Amino acid sequence: MIKNVLGTELQSCSLDPMTGAKRDGFCSYDKRDPGLHIVAAQMTDEFLAYNKARGNDLITPKPQWQFPGLKSGDWWCICMGVWLKSKAAGFPVYLNLEACHEKVLDYVSLEELQQWDYRKLSIK
């Protein structure tokens, strides 16, 4: 069983749009994925604009990568480093802890992740 950060079975992040490094809906860990797309995050306009300005355009569709382009409200498996940098810059996003791969705990504590749990948080 593949586990999430809560120690239970990893849940799907999104099937529409279809996410995951393998485009299977899951934020699975794969050692061949240099970006570590293991964080299940809900997009906001501010997060998307911040990342686009830094050269990480998550808005524009890229069919060659089966990437639909994202909008506020979409759930997507983002890179561990992208989440950490965006949070530090003041652009946090909601997390679905049931869909975040347990490998996330190698980079941040469960206690910190729980501060960004979409079920407990209202980002202004």
PDB file of N, CA and C in Angstrom:
ATOM      1  N   MET A   1       0.844  -1.183   0.000  1.00  0.00           N
ATOM      2  CA  MET A   1       0.000   0.000   0.000  1.00  0.00           C
ATOM      3  C   MET A   1       0.890   1.248   0.000  1.00  0.00           C
ATOM      4  N   ILE A   2       0.613   2.144  -0.917  1.00  0.00           N
ATOM      5  CA  ILE A   2       1.311   3.429  -0.956  1.00  0.00           C
ATOM      6  C   ILE A   2       0.638   4.333   0.066  1.00  0.00           C
ATOM      7  N   LYS A   3       1.465   4.982   0.904  1.00  0.00           N
ATOM      8  CA  LYS A   3       0.915   5.772   2.010  1.00  0.00           C
ATOM      9  C   LYS A   3       1.008   7.275   1.761  1.00  0.00           C
ATOM     10  N   ASN A   4       0.103   7.979   2.435  1.00  0.00           N
ATOM     11  CA  ASN A   4       0.124   9.437   2.436  1.00  0.00           C
ATOM     12  C   ASN A   4       0.811   9.928   3.713  1.00  0.00           C
ATOM     13  N   VAL A   5       0.846  11.227   3.908  1.00  0.00           N
ATOM     14  CA  VAL A   5       1.525  11.804   5.070  1.00  0.00           C
ATOM     15  C   VAL A   5       0.841  11.463   6.390  1.00  0.00           C
ATOM     16  N   LEU A   6      -0.396  11.002   6.327  1.00  0.00           N
ATOM     17  CA  LEU A   6      -1.138  10.618   7.534  1.00  0.00           C
ATOM     18  C   LEU A   6      -0.930   9.149   7.888  1.00  0.00           C
ATOM     19  N   GLY A   7      -0.211   8.425   7.021  1.00  0.00           N
ATOM     20  CA  GLY A   7       0.057   7.012   7.263  1.00  0.00           C
ATOM     21  C   GLY A   7      -1.029   6.085   6.759  1.00  0.00           C
ATOM     22  N   THR A   8      -2.004   6.636   6.059  1.00  0.00           N
ATOM     23  CA  THR A   8      -3.076   5.825   5.480  1.00  0.00           C
ATOM     24  C   THR A   8      -2.857   5.717   3.970  1.00  0.00           C
ATOM     25  N   GLU A   9      -3.740   5.012   3.295  1.00  0.00           N
ATOM     26  CA  GLU A   9      -3.579   4.791   1.859  1.00  0.00           C
ATOM     27  C   GLU A   9      -3.662   6.103   1.080  1.00  0.00           C
ATOM     28  N   LEU A  10      -2.712   6.296   0.162  1.00  0.00           N
ATOM     29  CA  LEU A  10      -2.677   7.495  -0.673  1.00  0.00           C
ATOM     30  C   LEU A  10      -3.958   7.600  -1.494  1.00  0.00           C
ATOM     31  N   GLN A  11      -4.597   8.756  -1.433  1.00  0.00           N
ATOM     32  CA  GLN A  11      -5.830   9.016  -2.177  1.00  0.00           C
ATOM     33  C   GLN A  11      -5.513   9.813  -3.441  1.00  0.00           C
ATOM     34  N   SER A  12      -6.432   9.794  -4.370  1.00  0.00           N
ATOM     35  CA  SER A  12      -6.283  10.549  -5.609  1.00  0.00           C
ATOM     36  C   SER A  12      -6.327  12.048  -5.316  1.00  0.00           C
ATOM     37  N   CYS A  13      -5.507  12.799  -6.030  1.00  0.00           N
ATOM     38  CA  CYS A  13      -5.511  14.262  -5.920  1.00  0.00           C
ATOM     39  C   CYS A  13      -6.563  14.846  -6.856  1.00  0.00           C
ATOM     40  N   SER A  14      -6.524  14.440  -8.123  1.00  0.00           N
ATOM     41  CA  SER A  14      -7.481  14.958  -9.099  1.00  0.00           C
ATOM     42  C   SER A  14      -7.506  14.080 -10.344  1.00  0.00           C
ATOM     43  N   LEU A  15      -8.711  13.828 -10.812  1.00  0.00           N
ATOM     44  CA  LEU A  15      -8.902  13.129 -12.084  1.00  0.00           C
ATOM     45  C   LEU A  15      -9.359  14.096 -13.172  1.00  0.00           C
ATOM     46  N   ASP A  16      -9.745  15.326 -12.763  1.00  0.00           N
ATOM     47  CA  ASP A  16     -10.172  16.347 -13.712  1.00  0.00           C
ATOM     48  C   ASP A  16      -9.828  17.719 -13.157  1.00  0.00           C
ATOM     49  N   PRO A  17      -8.672  18.281 -13.505  1.00  0.00           N
ATOM     50  CA  PRO A  17      -7.760  17.759 -14.521  1.00  0.00           C
ATOM     51  C   PRO A  17      -6.966  16.553 -14.006  1.00  0.00           C
ATOM     52  N   MET A  18      -6.570  15.682 -14.933  1.00  0.00           N
ATOM     53  CA  MET A  18      -5.795  14.493 -14.595  1.00  0.00           C
ATOM     54  C   MET A  18      -4.383  14.921 -14.212  1.00  0.00           C
ATOM     55  N   THR A  19      -4.006  14.613 -12.986  1.00  0.00           N
ATOM     56  CA  THR A  19      -2.730  15.070 -12.446  1.00  0.00           C
ATOM     57  C   THR A  19      -1.790  13.909 -12.167  1.00  0.00           C
ATOM     58  N   GLY A  20      -0.658  14.236 -11.581  1.00  0.00           N
ATOM     59  CA  GLY A  20       0.351  13.247 -11.226  1.00  0.00           C
ATOM     60  C   GLY A  20       1.422  13.151 -12.296  1.00  0.00           C
ATOM     61  N   ALA A  21       2.639  12.856 -11.884  1.00  0.00           N
ATOM     62  CA  ALA A  21       3.739  12.718 -12.835  1.00  0.00           C
ATOM     63  C   ALA A  21       3.422  11.641 -13.872  1.00  0.00           C
ATOM     64  N   LYS A  22       2.642  10.645 -13.470  1.00  0.00           N
ATOM     65  CA  LYS A  22       2.250   9.562 -14.387  1.00  0.00           C
ATOM     66  C   LYS A  22       0.877   9.816 -15.009  1.00  0.00           C
ATOM     67  N   ARG A  23       0.274  10.967 -14.718  1.00  0.00           N
ATOM     68  CA  ARG A  23      -1.072  11.324 -15.179  1.00  0.00           C
ATOM     69  C   ARG A  23      -2.068  10.206 -14.855  1.00  0.00           C
ATOM     70  N   ASP A  24      -2.000   9.784 -13.575  1.00  0.00           N
ATOM     71  CA  ASP A  24      -2.921   8.756 -13.090  1.00  0.00           C
ATOM     72  C   ASP A  24      -3.807   9.274 -11.961  1.00  0.00           C
ATOM     73  N   GLY A  25      -3.685  10.574 -11.655  1.00  0.00           N
ATOM     74  CA  GLY A  25      -4.495  11.186 -10.606  1.00  0.00           C
ATOM     75  C   GLY A  25      -3.844  11.207  -9.236  1.00  0.00           C
ATOM     76  N   PHE A  26      -2.678  10.565  -9.106  1.00  0.00           N
ATOM     77  CA  PHE A  26      -2.029  10.432  -7.802  1.00  0.00           C
ATOM     78  C   PHE A  26      -0.706  11.193  -7.743  1.00  0.00           C
ATOM     79  N   CYS A  27      -0.408  11.732  -6.558  1.00  0.00           N
ATOM     80  CA  CYS A  27       0.867  12.411  -6.304  1.00  0.00           C
ATOM     81  C   CYS A  27       1.869  11.369  -5.803  1.00  0.00           C
ATOM     82  N   SER A  28       2.170  10.420  -6.650  1.00  0.00           N
ATOM     83  CA  SER A  28       3.044   9.304  -6.290  1.00  0.00           C
ATOM     84  C   SER A  28       4.507   9.701  -6.363  1.00  0.00           C
ATOM     85  N   TYR A  29       5.302   9.064  -5.519  1.00  0.00           N
ATOM     86  CA  TYR A  29       6.750   9.254  -5.567  1.00  0.00           C
ATOM     87  C   TYR A  29       7.327   8.344  -6.638  1.00  0.00           C
ATOM     88  N   ASP A  30       8.190   8.902  -7.471  1.00  0.00           N
ATOM     89  CA  ASP A  30       8.896   8.141  -8.497  1.00  0.00           C
ATOM     90  C   ASP A  30      10.305   8.700  -8.555  1.00  0.00           C
ATOM     91  N   LYS A  31      11.291   7.863  -8.287  1.00  0.00           N
ATOM     92  CA  LYS A  31      12.674   8.355  -8.263  1.00  0.00           C
ATOM     93  C   LYS A  31      13.107   8.911  -9.616  1.00  0.00           C
ATOM     94  N   ARG A  32      12.373   8.615 -10.682  1.00  0.00           N
ATOM     95  CA  ARG A  32      12.686   9.167 -12.005  1.00  0.00           C
ATOM     96  C   ARG A  32      12.065  10.547 -12.211  1.00  0.00           C
ATOM     97  N   ASP A  33      11.284  11.016 -11.241  1.00  0.00           N
ATOM     98  CA  ASP A  33      10.632  12.327 -11.322  1.00  0.00           C
ATOM     99  C   ASP A  33      11.504  13.350 -10.604  1.00  0.00           C
ATOM    100  N   PRO A  34      12.317  14.111 -11.345  1.00  0.00           N
ATOM    101  CA  PRO A  34      13.223  15.067 -10.693  1.00  0.00           C
ATOM    102  C   PRO A  34      12.499  16.187  -9.960  1.00  0.00           C
ATOM    103  N   GLY A  35      11.246  16.447 -10.309  1.00  0.00           N
ATOM    104  CA  GLY A  35      10.503  17.526  -9.670  1.00  0.00           C
ATOM    105  C   GLY A  35       9.811  17.135  -8.379  1.00  0.00           C
ATOM    106  N   LEU A  36       9.750  15.854  -8.084  1.00  0.00           N
ATOM    107  CA  LEU A  36       9.035  15.369  -6.896  1.00  0.00           C
ATOM    108  C   LEU A  36       7.614  15.929  -6.835  1.00  0.00           C
ATOM    109  N   HIS A  37       6.772  15.542  -7.762  1.00  0.00           N
ATOM    110  CA  HIS A  37       5.367  15.978  -7.820  1.00  0.00           C
ATOM    111  C   HIS A  37       4.549  15.184  -6.804  1.00  0.00           C
ATOM    112  N   ILE A  38       4.790  15.441  -5.521  1.00  0.00           N
ATOM    113  CA  ILE A  38       4.219  14.635  -4.438  1.00  0.00           C
ATOM    114  C   ILE A  38       3.307  15.427  -3.507  1.00  0.00           C
ATOM    115  N   VAL A  39       3.088  16.701  -3.812  1.00  0.00           N
ATOM    116  CA  VAL A  39       2.275  17.579  -2.962  1.00  0.00           C
ATOM    117  C   VAL A  39       0.930  17.843  -3.640  1.00  0.00           C
ATOM    118  N   ALA A  40      -0.162  17.456  -2.990  1.00  0.00           N
ATOM    119  CA  ALA A  40      -1.514  17.663  -3.522  1.00  0.00           C
ATOM    120  C   ALA A  40      -2.011  19.035  -3.077  1.00  0.00           C
ATOM    121  N   ALA A  41      -2.066  19.973  -4.022  1.00  0.00           N
ATOM    122  CA  ALA A  41      -2.356  21.367  -3.690  1.00  0.00           C
ATOM    123  C   ALA A  41      -3.496  21.922  -4.532  1.00  0.00           C
ATOM    124  N   GLN A  42      -4.296  22.799  -3.909  1.00  0.00           N
ATOM    125  CA  GLN A  42      -5.372  23.475  -4.628  1.00  0.00           C
ATOM    126  C   GLN A  42      -4.866  24.837  -5.091  1.00  0.00           C
ATOM    127  N   MET A  43      -4.986  25.078  -6.379  1.00  0.00           N
ATOM    128  CA  MET A  43      -4.459  26.294  -6.976  1.00  0.00           C
ATOM    129  C   MET A  43      -5.243  27.534  -6.543  1.00  0.00           C
ATOM    130  N   THR A  44      -4.507  28.652  -6.452  1.00  0.00           N
ATOM    131  CA  THR A  44      -5.110  29.969  -6.258  1.00  0.00           C
ATOM    132  C   THR A  44      -4.560  30.881  -7.349  1.00  0.00           C
ATOM    133  N   ASP A  45      -5.265  31.957  -7.649  1.00  0.00           N
ATOM    134  CA  ASP A  45      -4.782  32.907  -8.651  1.00  0.00           C
ATOM    135  C   ASP A  45      -3.416  33.460  -8.258  1.00  0.00           C
ATOM    136  N   GLU A  46      -3.241  33.748  -6.976  1.00  0.00           N
ATOM    137  CA  GLU A  46      -1.984  34.328  -6.499  1.00  0.00           C
ATOM    138  C   GLU A  46      -0.822  33.346  -6.663  1.00  0.00           C
ATOM    139  N   PHE A  47      -1.044  32.091  -6.312  1.00  0.00           N
ATOM    140  CA  PHE A  47      -0.017  31.057  -6.457  1.00  0.00           C
ATOM    141  C   PHE A  47       0.364  30.883  -7.925  1.00  0.00           C
ATOM    142  N   LEU A  48      -0.636  30.820  -8.794  1.00  0.00           N
ATOM    143  CA  LEU A  48      -0.374  30.635 -10.224  1.00  0.00           C
ATOM    144  C   LEU A  48       0.392  31.823 -10.804  1.00  0.00           C
ATOM    145  N   ALA A  49       0.001  33.047 -10.445  1.00  0.00           N
ATOM    146  CA  ALA A  49       0.682  34.245 -10.946  1.00  0.00           C
ATOM    147  C   ALA A  49       2.114  34.316 -10.433  1.00  0.00           C
ATOM    148  N   TYR A  50       2.314  34.017  -9.152  1.00  0.00           N
ATOM    149  CA  TYR A  50       3.655  34.025  -8.571  1.00  0.00           C
ATOM    150  C   TYR A  50       4.563  33.048  -9.308  1.00  0.00           C
ATOM    151  N   ASN A  51       4.097  31.848  -9.532  1.00  0.00           N
ATOM    152  CA  ASN A  51       4.922  30.844 -10.198  1.00  0.00           C
ATOM    153  C   ASN A  51       5.166  31.181 -11.663  1.00  0.00           C
ATOM    154  N   LYS A  52       4.164  31.733 -12.338  1.00  0.00           N
ATOM    155  CA  LYS A  52       4.361  32.136 -13.734  1.00  0.00           C
ATOM    156  C   LYS A  52       5.440  33.209 -13.826  1.00  0.00           C
ATOM    157  N   ALA A  53       5.423  34.168 -12.911  1.00  0.00           N
ATOM    158  CA  ALA A  53       6.428  35.234 -12.901  1.00  0.00           C
ATOM    159  C   ALA A  53       7.835  34.691 -12.656  1.00  0.00           C
ATOM    160  N   ARG A  54       7.927  33.540 -12.011  1.00  0.00           N
ATOM    161  CA  ARG A  54       9.226  32.911 -11.737  1.00  0.00           C
ATOM    162  C   ARG A  54       9.625  31.909 -12.823  1.00  0.00           C
ATOM    163  N   GLY A  55       8.853  31.843 -13.910  1.00  0.00           N
ATOM    164  CA  GLY A  55       9.193  30.950 -15.012  1.00  0.00           C
ATOM    165  C   GLY A  55       8.536  29.583 -14.953  1.00  0.00           C
ATOM    166  N   ASN A  56       7.660  29.370 -13.976  1.00  0.00           N
ATOM    167  CA  ASN A  56       6.951  28.092 -13.851  1.00  0.00           C
ATOM    168  C   ASN A  56       5.487  28.331 -14.220  1.00  0.00           C
ATOM    169  N   ASP A  57       5.209  28.356 -15.524  1.00  0.00           N
ATOM    170  CA  ASP A  57       3.872  28.675 -16.025  1.00  0.00           C
ATOM    171  C   ASP A  57       2.962  27.456 -15.901  1.00  0.00           C
ATOM    172  N   LEU A  58       2.084  27.508 -14.913  1.00  0.00           N
ATOM    173  CA  LEU A  58       1.122  26.432 -14.691  1.00  0.00           C
ATOM    174  C   LEU A  58      -0.244  26.771 -15.284  1.00  0.00           C
ATOM    175  N   ILE A  59      -0.333  27.901 -15.961  1.00  0.00           N
ATOM    176  CA  ILE A  59      -1.602  28.380 -16.506  1.00  0.00           C
ATOM    177  C   ILE A  59      -1.786  27.964 -17.970  1.00  0.00           C
ATOM    178  N   THR A  60      -0.737  28.081 -18.760  1.00  0.00           N
ATOM    179  CA  THR A  60      -0.807  27.806 -20.193  1.00  0.00           C
ATOM    180  C   THR A  60      -0.815  26.308 -20.477  1.00  0.00           C
ATOM    181  N   PRO A  61      -1.802  25.816 -21.235  1.00  0.00           N
ATOM    182  CA  PRO A  61      -1.820  24.391 -21.591  1.00  0.00           C
ATOM    183  C   PRO A  61      -0.573  23.994 -22.389  1.00  0.00           C
ATOM    184  N   LYS A  62      -0.096  22.784 -22.125  1.00  0.00           N
ATOM    185  CA  LYS A  62       1.048  22.220 -22.846  1.00  0.00           C
ATOM    186  C   LYS A  62       0.675  20.785 -23.244  1.00  0.00           C
ATOM    187  N   PRO A  63      -0.029  20.644 -24.375  1.00  0.00           N
ATOM    188  CA  PRO A  63      -0.537  19.334 -24.787  1.00  0.00           C
ATOM    189  C   PRO A  63       0.554  18.272 -24.922  1.00  0.00           C
ATOM    190  N   GLN A  64       1.755  18.665 -25.299  1.00  0.00           N
ATOM    191  CA  GLN A  64       2.843  17.702 -25.468  1.00  0.00           C
ATOM    192  C   GLN A  64       3.197  17.006 -24.160  1.00  0.00           C
ATOM    193  N   TRP A  65       2.818  17.592 -23.022  1.00  0.00           N
ATOM    194  CA  TRP A  65       3.070  16.993 -21.702  1.00  0.00           C
ATOM    195  C   TRP A  65       1.763  16.540 -21.044  1.00  0.00           C
ATOM    196  N   GLN A  66       0.697  16.511 -21.821  1.00  0.00           N
ATOM    197  CA  GLN A  66      -0.631  16.185 -21.290  1.00  0.00           C
ATOM    198  C   GLN A  66      -0.982  17.125 -20.131  1.00  0.00           C
ATOM    199  N   PHE A  67      -0.616  18.397 -20.314  1.00  0.00           N
ATOM    200  CA  PHE A  67      -0.855  19.409 -19.282  1.00  0.00           C
ATOM    201  C   PHE A  67      -1.954  20.354 -19.753  1.00  0.00           C
ATOM    202  N   PRO A  68      -3.092  20.384 -19.042  1.00  0.00           N
ATOM    203  CA  PRO A  68      -4.246  21.168 -19.497  1.00  0.00           C
ATOM    204  C   PRO A  68      -4.180  22.661 -19.207  1.00  0.00           C
ATOM    205  N   GLY A  69      -3.233  23.087 -18.376  1.00  0.00           N
ATOM    206  CA  GLY A  69      -3.260  24.454 -17.868  1.00  0.00           C
ATOM    207  C   GLY A  69      -4.201  24.500 -16.679  1.00  0.00           C
ATOM    208  N   LEU A  70      -3.831  25.260 -15.663  1.00  0.00           N
ATOM    209  CA  LEU A  70      -4.585  25.253 -14.409  1.00  0.00           C
ATOM    210  C   LEU A  70      -5.238  26.602 -14.139  1.00  0.00           C
ATOM    211  N   LYS A  71      -6.282  26.550 -13.321  1.00  0.00           N
ATOM    212  CA  LYS A  71      -6.965  27.766 -12.879  1.00  0.00           C
ATOM    213  C   LYS A  71      -7.226  27.641 -11.384  1.00  0.00           C
ATOM    214  N   SER A  72      -7.561  28.741 -10.770  1.00  0.00           N
ATOM    215  CA  SER A  72      -7.861  28.746  -9.344  1.00  0.00           C
ATOM    216  C   SER A  72      -8.943  27.716  -9.037  1.00  0.00           C
ATOM    217  N   GLY A  73      -8.720  26.948  -7.980  1.00  0.00           N
ATOM    218  CA  GLY A  73      -9.664  25.916  -7.581  1.00  0.00           C
ATOM    219  C   GLY A  73      -9.269  24.524  -8.023  1.00  0.00           C
ATOM    220  N   ASP A  74      -8.434  24.419  -9.066  1.00  0.00           N
ATOM    221  CA  ASP A  74      -7.978  23.107  -9.527  1.00  0.00           C
ATOM    222  C   ASP A  74      -7.054  22.478  -8.498  1.00  0.00           C
ATOM    223  N   TRP A  75      -7.123  21.166  -8.385  1.00  0.00           N
ATOM    224  CA  TRP A  75      -6.184  20.408  -7.564  1.00  0.00           C
ATOM    225  C   TRP A  75      -5.116  19.843  -8.482  1.00  0.00           C
ATOM    226  N   TRP A  76      -3.842  19.891  -8.023  1.00  0.00           N
ATOM    227  CA  TRP A  76      -2.737  19.451  -8.871  1.00  0.00           C
ATOM    228  C   TRP A  76      -1.592  18.941  -7.999  1.00  0.00           C
ATOM    229  N   CYS A  77      -0.876  17.962  -8.505  1.00  0.00           N
ATOM    230  CA  CYS A  77       0.327  17.466  -7.824  1.00  0.00           C
ATOM    231  C   CYS A  77       1.480  18.398  -8.180  1.00  0.00           C
ATOM    232  N   ILE A  78       1.911  19.193  -7.223  1.00  0.00           N
ATOM    233  CA  ILE A  78       2.998  20.136  -7.482  1.00  0.00           C
ATOM    234  C   ILE A  78       4.303  19.606  -6.895  1.00  0.00           C
ATOM    235  N   CYS A  79       5.390  20.203  -7.351  1.00  0.00           N
ATOM    236  CA  CYS A  79       6.721  19.818  -6.886  1.00  0.00           C
ATOM    237  C   CYS A  79       6.922  20.247  -5.432  1.00  0.00           C
ATOM    238  N   MET A  80       7.621  19.413  -4.698  1.00  0.00           N
ATOM    239  CA  MET A  80       7.917  19.711  -3.296  1.00  0.00           C
ATOM    240  C   MET A  80       8.593  21.072  -3.171  1.00  0.00           C
ATOM    241  N   GLY A  81       9.604  21.325  -3.991  1.00  0.00           N
ATOM    242  CA  GLY A  81      10.336  22.591  -3.935  1.00  0.00           C
ATOM    243  C   GLY A  81       9.478  23.794  -4.284  1.00  0.00           C
ATOM    244  N   VAL A  82       8.561  23.627  -5.217  1.00  0.00           N
ATOM    245  CA  VAL A  82       7.656  24.718  -5.601  1.00  0.00           C
ATOM    246  C   VAL A  82       6.773  25.098  -4.420  1.00  0.00           C
ATOM    247  N   TRP A  83       6.248  24.102  -3.718  1.00  0.00           N
ATOM    248  CA  TRP A  83       5.406  24.399  -2.560  1.00  0.00           C
ATOM    249  C   TRP A  83       6.200  25.132  -1.482  1.00  0.00           C
ATOM    250  N   LEU A  84       7.401  24.643  -1.188  1.00  0.00           N
ATOM    251  CA  LEU A  84       8.218  25.269  -0.143  1.00  0.00           C
ATOM    252  C   LEU A  84       8.560  26.715  -0.493  1.00  0.00           C
ATOM    253  N   LYS A  85       8.974  26.964  -1.732  1.00  0.00           N
ATOM    254  CA  LYS A  85       9.341  28.324  -2.148  1.00  0.00           C
ATOM    255  C   LYS A  85       8.125  29.248  -2.174  1.00  0.00           C
ATOM    256  N   SER A  86       7.013  28.756  -2.666  1.00  0.00           N
ATOM    257  CA  SER A  86       5.803  29.581  -2.732  1.00  0.00           C
ATOM    258  C   SER A  86       5.310  29.942  -1.340  1.00  0.00           C
ATOM    259  N   LYS A  87       5.348  28.984  -0.447  1.00  0.00           N
ATOM    260  CA  LYS A  87       4.915  29.232   0.934  1.00  0.00           C
ATOM    261  C   LYS A  87       5.819  30.274   1.590  1.00  0.00           C
ATOM    262  N   ALA A  88       7.122  30.129   1.406  1.00  0.00           N
ATOM    263  CA  ALA A  88       8.080  31.070   1.994  1.00  0.00           C
ATOM    264  C   ALA A  88       7.891  32.483   1.441  1.00  0.00           C
ATOM    265  N   ALA A  89       7.439  32.587   0.190  1.00  0.00           N
ATOM    266  CA  ALA A  89       7.237  33.888  -0.443  1.00  0.00           C
ATOM    267  C   ALA A  89       5.873  34.497  -0.120  1.00  0.00           C
ATOM    268  N   GLY A  90       5.042  33.764   0.631  1.00  0.00           N
ATOM    269  CA  GLY A  90       3.744  34.298   1.024  1.00  0.00           C
ATOM    270  C   GLY A  90       2.600  33.920   0.108  1.00  0.00           C
ATOM    271  N   PHE A  91       2.785  32.863  -0.677  1.00  0.00           N
ATOM    272  CA  PHE A  91       1.741  32.399  -1.588  1.00  0.00           C
ATOM    273  C   PHE A  91       1.373  30.953  -1.273  1.00  0.00           C
ATOM    274  N   PRO A  92       0.775  30.728  -0.094  1.00  0.00           N
ATOM    275  CA  PRO A  92       0.427  29.363   0.307  1.00  0.00           C
ATOM    276  C   PRO A  92      -0.755  28.830  -0.495  1.00  0.00           C
ATOM    277  N   VAL A  93      -0.860  27.524  -0.529  1.00  0.00           N
ATOM    278  CA  VAL A  93      -2.005  26.875  -1.158  1.00  0.00           C
ATOM    279  C   VAL A  93      -2.532  25.803  -0.217  1.00  0.00           C
ATOM    280  N   TYR A  94      -3.815  25.521  -0.349  1.00  0.00           N
ATOM    281  CA  TYR A  94      -4.419  24.436   0.420  1.00  0.00           C
ATOM    282  C   TYR A  94      -3.755  23.113   0.051  1.00  0.00           C
ATOM    283  N   LEU A  95      -3.696  22.189   1.008  1.00  0.00           N
ATOM    284  CA  LEU A  95      -3.171  20.850   0.755  1.00  0.00           C
ATOM    285  C   LEU A  95      -4.230  19.820   1.099  1.00  0.00           C
ATOM    286  N   ASN A  96      -4.262  18.754   0.329  1.00  0.00           N
ATOM    287  CA  ASN A  96      -5.071  17.587   0.663  1.00  0.00           C
ATOM    288  C   ASN A  96      -4.097  16.561   1.226  1.00  0.00           C
ATOM    289  N   LEU A  97      -4.028  16.465   2.542  1.00  0.00           N
ATOM    290  CA  LEU A  97      -3.040  15.600   3.190  1.00  0.00           C
ATOM    291  C   LEU A  97      -3.246  14.129   2.852  1.00  0.00           C
ATOM    292  N   GLU A  98      -4.469  13.740   2.561  1.00  0.00           N
ATOM    293  CA  GLU A  98      -4.735  12.348   2.194  1.00  0.00           C
ATOM    294  C   GLU A  98      -4.169  12.007   0.821  1.00  0.00           C
ATOM    295  N   ALA A  99      -3.866  13.031   0.015  1.00  0.00           N
ATOM    296  CA  ALA A  99      -3.338  12.823  -1.330  1.00  0.00           C
ATOM    297  C   ALA A  99      -1.868  13.225  -1.461  1.00  0.00           C
ATOM    298  N   CYS A 100      -1.255  13.721  -0.368  1.00  0.00           N
ATOM    299  CA  CYS A 100       0.183  14.040  -0.368  1.00  0.00           C
ATOM    300  C   CYS A 100       0.967  12.771  -0.037  1.00  0.00           C
ATOM    301  N   HIS A 101       1.903  12.411  -0.891  1.00  0.00           N
ATOM    302  CA  HIS A 101       2.701  11.200  -0.681  1.00  0.00           C
ATOM    303  C   HIS A 101       3.525  11.310   0.603  1.00  0.00           C
ATOM    304  N   GLU A 102       3.716  10.185   1.284  1.00  0.00           N
ATOM    305  CA  GLU A 102       4.456  10.169   2.547  1.00  0.00           C
ATOM    306  C   GLU A 102       5.880  10.717   2.411  1.00  0.00           C
ATOM    307  N   LYS A 103       6.443  10.717   1.215  1.00  0.00           N
ATOM    308  CA  LYS A 103       7.801  11.235   0.986  1.00  0.00           C
ATOM    309  C   LYS A 103       7.885  12.726   1.339  1.00  0.00           C
ATOM    310  N   VAL A 104       6.763  13.428   1.331  1.00  0.00           N
ATOM    311  CA  VAL A 104       6.734  14.847   1.714  1.00  0.00           C
ATOM    312  C   VAL A 104       7.314  15.027   3.114  1.00  0.00           C
ATOM    313  N   LEU A 105       7.127  14.029   3.975  1.00  0.00           N
ATOM    314  CA  LEU A 105       7.606  14.117   5.361  1.00  0.00           C
ATOM    315  C   LEU A 105       9.130  14.135   5.454  1.00  0.00           C
ATOM    316  N   ASP A 106       9.828  13.823   4.368  1.00  0.00           N
ATOM    317  CA  ASP A 106      11.288  13.956   4.338  1.00  0.00           C
ATOM    318  C   ASP A 106      11.699  15.426   4.281  1.00  0.00           C
ATOM    319  N   TYR A 107      10.758  16.308   3.946  1.00  0.00           N
ATOM    320  CA  TYR A 107      11.060  17.722   3.732  1.00  0.00           C
ATOM    321  C   TYR A 107      10.367  18.663   4.708  1.00  0.00           C
ATOM    322  N   VAL A 108       9.254  18.227   5.273  1.00  0.00           N
ATOM    323  CA  VAL A 108       8.483  19.093   6.175  1.00  0.00           C
ATOM    324  C   VAL A 108       7.715  18.209   7.163  1.00  0.00           C
ATOM    325  N   SER A 109       7.517  18.722   8.354  1.00  0.00           N
ATOM    326  CA  SER A 109       6.846  17.931   9.395  1.00  0.00           C
ATOM    327  C   SER A 109       5.339  17.853   9.154  1.00  0.00           C
ATOM    328  N   LEU A 110       4.738  16.829   9.707  1.00  0.00           N
ATOM    329  CA  LEU A 110       3.286  16.681   9.625  1.00  0.00           C
ATOM    330  C   LEU A 110       2.601  17.863  10.299  1.00  0.00           C
ATOM    331  N   GLU A 111       3.162  18.334  11.396  1.00  0.00           N
ATOM    332  CA  GLU A 111       2.572  19.470  12.104  1.00  0.00           C
ATOM    333  C   GLU A 111       2.502  20.704  11.205  1.00  0.00           C
ATOM    334  N   GLU A 112       3.558  20.957  10.445  1.00  0.00           N
ATOM    335  CA  GLU A 112       3.539  22.104   9.539  1.00  0.00           C
ATOM    336  C   GLU A 112       2.536  21.879   8.410  1.00  0.00           C
ATOM    337  N   LEU A 113       2.498  20.682   7.875  1.00  0.00           N
ATOM    338  CA  LEU A 113       1.542  20.376   6.808  1.00  0.00           C
ATOM    339  C   LEU A 113       0.106  20.588   7.277  1.00  0.00           C
ATOM    340  N   GLN A 114      -0.171  20.206   8.508  1.00  0.00           N
ATOM    341  CA  GLN A 114      -1.530  20.324   9.036  1.00  0.00           C
ATOM    342  C   GLN A 114      -2.002  21.774   9.092  1.00  0.00           C
ATOM    343  N   GLN A 115      -1.078  22.715   9.162  1.00  0.00           N
ATOM    344  CA  GLN A 115      -1.451  24.134   9.142  1.00  0.00           C
ATOM    345  C   GLN A 115      -2.067  24.530   7.804  1.00  0.00           C
ATOM    346  N   TRP A 116      -1.795  23.756   6.748  1.00  0.00           N
ATOM    347  CA  TRP A 116      -2.246  24.079   5.394  1.00  0.00           C
ATOM    348  C   TRP A 116      -3.299  23.101   4.886  1.00  0.00           C
ATOM    349  N   ASP A 117      -3.850  22.292   5.787  1.00  0.00           N
ATOM    350  CA  ASP A 117      -4.889  21.321   5.438  1.00  0.00           C
ATOM    351  C   ASP A 117      -6.129  22.067   4.949  1.00  0.00           C
ATOM    352  N   TYR A 118      -6.576  21.756   3.765  1.00  0.00           N
ATOM    353  CA  TYR A 118      -7.719  22.470   3.178  1.00  0.00           C
ATOM    354  C   TYR A 118      -8.979  22.363   4.023  1.00  0.00           C
ATOM    355  N   ARG A 119      -9.076  21.366   4.862  1.00  0.00           N
ATOM    356  CA  ARG A 119     -10.277  21.193   5.692  1.00  0.00           C
ATOM    357  C   ARG A 119     -10.268  22.114   6.912  1.00  0.00           C
ATOM    358  N   LYS A 120      -9.122  22.732   7.208  1.00  0.00           N
ATOM    359  CA  LYS A 120      -8.999  23.545   8.426  1.00  0.00           C
ATOM    360  C   LYS A 120      -8.626  24.995   8.153  1.00  0.00           C
ATOM    361  N   LEU A 121      -8.435  25.344   6.903  1.00  0.00           N
ATOM    362  CA  LEU A 121      -7.794  26.607   6.590  1.00  0.00           C
ATOM    363  C   LEU A 121      -8.611  27.429   5.612  1.00  0.00           C
ATOM    364  N   SER A 122      -8.551  28.724   5.778  1.00  0.00           N
ATOM    365  CA  SER A 122      -9.145  29.637   4.813  1.00  0.00           C
ATOM    366  C   SER A 122      -8.075  30.631   4.410  1.00  0.00           C
ATOM    367  N   ILE A 123      -7.557  30.485   3.206  1.00  0.00           N
ATOM    368  CA  ILE A 123      -6.515  31.385   2.716  1.00  0.00           C
ATOM    369  C   ILE A 123      -7.182  32.654   2.207  1.00  0.00           C
ATOM    370  N   LYS A 124      -6.707  33.770   2.674  1.00  0.00           N
ATOM    371  CA  LYS A 124      -7.263  35.069   2.273  1.00  0.00           C
ATOM    372  C   LYS A 124      -6.518  35.593   1.066  1.00  0.00           C
TER     373      LYS A 124
END
